[in-house]
Amino acid sequence: MSSAPHRFTLLQRLLHWLMAACILAMLFIGVGMVSTITPKYLPLILVHKTLGVALLVLVVIRLGVRLYYGAPPLPADLPGTIKLGAKLSHQALYGLMIVMPLLGLGMLWAAGYPVVLYGGIEIPALLPQSDRLHTLLWDAHFYLGFAFFGLVLLHLAAALFHALIRRDGVFETISPLPLRDEAASSD
């Protein structure tokens, strides 16, 4: 597009907040899965797998929408280091949103487990069974999960910084609430 938007589109905002809720659920379900051996483990794994695949589909859609519509520019007075941090952290978030579900699927395939989602949908194995590969993928999924959680916390801190301290309009570009101008024009 030729001109930069002043706010993310409604579709971009909906995808952002839907995925944010799902990612937080995934992180907590993941913690619950690795900390229990009770009968709750199997339903947790089913939800985790299904949400993971759904998130993979959503992030692909979200990337396509982002490439098509672009993103609002950051404030001109924002220091270059913060702009660079924002760019790199967003790239890392998108990277982890893609890599984490792929690692999870690969880990299950390498363990020889069928990937069956809600509704009985089965995803055929794309990797051979391998204990060594399973261990490598499990470790990567486990430790990158902590990195992902840390990055989500950093993202949340940055959002709060822009919303409550700088009050520079950055948070409003992705806010699920209508802007004051939009709310006033609907009266």
Foldseek 3Di string as FASTA:
>chain_A
DPDADLAQDLVLLVLVVVLVVLLVVLLVLVVVLVVDPDPVNVVSVQSNLQSLVVLLVSLVVNVVSCVVRPHHDDDPPDDPVVVVVVVVLVVVLSVCSNPLSVLVLQLCLLCVHWRAHPPRDTDDRPDHHDPVSNVVSVVCNVVVSVVNVVSSVVVVVVLCCCVPPVVRCPNVSNDNDDDPVVVVVVD
